[in-house]
């Protein structure tokens, strides 16, 4: 039988080459330092806007800003390891379409919630 370019048999998933192996491992220490550092920087740099009826000591409000920015950055960075792993493996095996779709829906709902809390 002659082999065709488009075979119905899946090729085995090959491990990443030695040059690409360990990208995530090398990025962990950087992320562990950069994310909290950027959270603190943004927590102090971005002006805090609060309703006039909101009473909170300045230190608590500043801590809330720092924690909020750190959470946002950690949450954002948390999606990169899957993308890097997919790139290294040259495959999306293990990536769920449900996970992706539900994240889009969840982020949209959370954004509407935050805009509503801020402006209404």
Foldseek 3Di string as FASTA:
>chain_A
DDDDPDDPDDDDQDAFDPVLPCPVVVCVVVCVPVLLVVLLVQLVVPDDDDDPVDDDDPVVSSVVSSVVSSVVSCVVVVPVVLVSRCVRRVHNPPPDPVVVVVVVVVVVVVVVVVVVVVPD
